[in-house]
Protein backbone atom coordinates (compact mmCIF):
# COMPACT_ATOMS: atom_id res chain seq x y z
CA MET A 1 117.53 68.93 192.55
CA GLN A 2 115.17 70.24 189.84
CA ASP A 3 117.45 68.78 186.92
CA GLU A 4 117.33 65.46 189.06
CA GLN A 5 113.87 65.36 189.61
CA GLN A 6 113.30 66.08 185.45
CA PHE A 7 115.53 63.30 184.78
CA GLU A 8 113.40 60.99 186.90
CA GLN A 9 110.37 61.78 184.81
CA LEU A 10 112.00 61.59 181.94
CA MET A 11 113.41 57.85 182.80
CA LEU A 12 109.82 57.00 183.75
CA GLN A 13 108.60 58.33 179.97
CA TYR A 14 111.21 56.19 178.44
CA ASN A 15 110.36 53.73 180.57
CA GLN A 16 106.56 53.87 179.53
CA LEU A 17 107.98 54.03 175.79
CA LYS A 18 109.68 50.70 176.21
CA GLN A 19 107.08 48.94 177.85
CA GLY A 20 105.00 50.03 175.37
CA ALA A 21 106.92 49.31 172.08
CA GLU A 22 106.63 45.96 174.49
CA ASP A 23 102.78 45.80 174.60
CA ILE A 24 102.50 46.45 170.59
CA SER A 25 105.50 43.38 169.70
CA LYS A 26 102.57 41.31 172.08
CA MET A 27 99.57 42.76 169.89
CA ILE A 28 101.52 42.30 166.64
CA ASP A 29 102.06 38.53 167.61
CA ARG A 30 98.66 38.10 168.45
CA GLU A 31 97.79 39.67 164.98
CA ASP A 32 95.96 42.49 167.13
CA PHE A 33 96.77 45.57 164.63
CA ASP A 34 93.72 47.99 165.14
CA ASN A 35 94.82 48.23 168.51
CA ALA A 36 98.27 48.40 168.05
CA ILE A 37 98.01 51.05 165.56
CA THR A 38 95.74 53.12 168.41
CA MET A 39 98.92 52.24 171.08
CA ILE A 40 101.42 53.12 168.26
CA LYS A 41 99.41 56.94 167.49
CA ASN A 42 99.01 57.76 171.30
CA ARG A 43 102.84 57.47 171.91
CA GLU A 44 103.55 60.07 169.73
CA GLN A 45 102.41 62.86 172.63
CA LEU A 46 104.86 60.64 174.86
CA PHE A 47 107.81 61.00 172.76
CA LEU A 48 107.32 64.89 172.28
CA SER A 49 107.42 65.04 175.75
CA CYS A 50 110.60 63.18 176.04
CA LYS A 51 111.99 65.02 173.82
CA CYS A 52 111.30 68.73 175.31
CA ILE A 53 112.12 67.62 178.50
CA ARG A 54 115.50 66.08 176.67
CA LYS A 55 116.23 69.59 174.89
CA TYR A 56 116.72 71.52 178.36
CA LEU A 57 118.02 69.16 180.59
CA GLU A 58 121.25 69.59 181.54
CA LEU A 59 122.39 66.00 182.28
CA THR A 60 125.36 64.21 184.24
CA PRO A 61 127.97 61.73 182.20
CA VAL A 62 126.38 59.11 184.11
CA GLN A 63 123.13 60.01 183.60
CA GLU A 64 123.24 60.62 180.21
CA LYS A 65 124.97 56.78 179.79
CA GLU A 66 121.91 55.48 181.57
CA LEU A 67 119.64 57.38 179.11
CA GLU A 68 121.80 56.13 175.80
CA SER A 69 121.04 52.91 176.81
CA MET A 70 117.55 53.30 177.73
CA LEU A 71 117.62 54.49 174.10
CA ASP A 72 119.09 51.31 172.94
CA GLU A 73 116.74 49.32 174.39
CA ILE A 74 113.49 50.71 172.99
CA ARG A 75 115.20 51.39 169.60
CA THR A 76 116.13 47.96 169.59
CA LEU A 77 112.50 46.94 170.36
CA GLU A 78 110.96 49.16 167.86
CA MET A 79 113.27 47.88 165.24
CA GLN A 80 112.13 44.68 166.29
CA ASN A 81 108.28 45.55 165.38
CA ILE A 82 109.66 47.17 162.25
CA LYS A 83 111.09 43.83 161.14
CA LYS A 84 107.69 41.59 162.55
CA LEU A 85 105.53 43.72 160.65
CA GLU A 86 107.44 43.72 157.46
CA ASN A 87 107.43 40.29 157.65
CA GLY A 88 104.12 39.90 157.79
CA MET A 89 103.13 41.97 154.88
CA GLU A 90 105.62 39.94 152.87
CA ASN A 91 103.85 37.18 153.92
CA VAL A 92 100.75 38.48 153.43
CA LYS A 93 101.54 39.68 149.75
CA MET A 94 102.90 35.94 149.00
CA GLU A 95 99.09 34.69 150.15
CA LEU A 96 97.49 37.53 148.34
CA LYS A 97 99.00 36.46 144.80
CA LYS A 98 98.32 33.03 145.74
CA SER A 99 94.54 33.95 145.86
CA GLN A 100 94.88 36.34 143.07
CA LYS A 101 96.29 32.88 140.71
CA SER A 102 93.34 30.50 142.54
CA GLN A 103 90.70 33.29 140.97
CA LYS A 104 92.48 33.76 137.55
CA ILE A 105 92.21 30.06 136.67
CA GLN A 106 89.09 29.63 138.37
CA ARG A 107 87.83 32.40 136.19
CA ALA A 108 89.28 30.97 133.00
CA TYR A 109 87.51 27.60 133.45
CA GLU A 110 84.58 29.00 134.92
CA PHE A 111 81.42 27.16 133.27
CA ASN A 112 77.94 26.92 133.58
CA ALA A 113 77.05 23.36 133.67
CA GLY A 114 73.03 23.87 133.33
CA GLN A 115 73.90 25.64 129.47
CA SER A 116 76.40 23.18 128.70
CA GLY A 117 76.19 19.86 126.93
CA SER A 118 76.95 16.28 128.50
CA ILE A 119 78.92 13.61 127.01
CA LEU A 120 77.82 10.56 125.84
CA ASN A 121 79.54 7.03 125.45
CA ILE A 122 77.77 6.23 122.07
CA LYS A 123 79.44 2.73 122.08
CA GLU A 124 77.38 2.03 125.53
């Protein structure tokens, strides 16, 4: 009976992790990175709790299958979040390179119009 209660507790915690992964995905889409990072850090305790419960819990084959299914969903969501972040980082790197090139060109051709002479058309 106690194993059943612990299994239910474990599944509840894994559901919280799954929901958290979905929320983080939405935050990444909205570019709300500060809250996403905060949420990721706060989930660490939940992961540790799940690991401890699972370590000492004896699962039936049906429970094991249900648990593995839930873990596969969480892994999939986490990998999607990682890919979104990697793509975002690549986009930021490309924009940064463009900006740096633009600044380099501006510095190379920068001059002070007040200190330079003007061109006159002598024929006029």
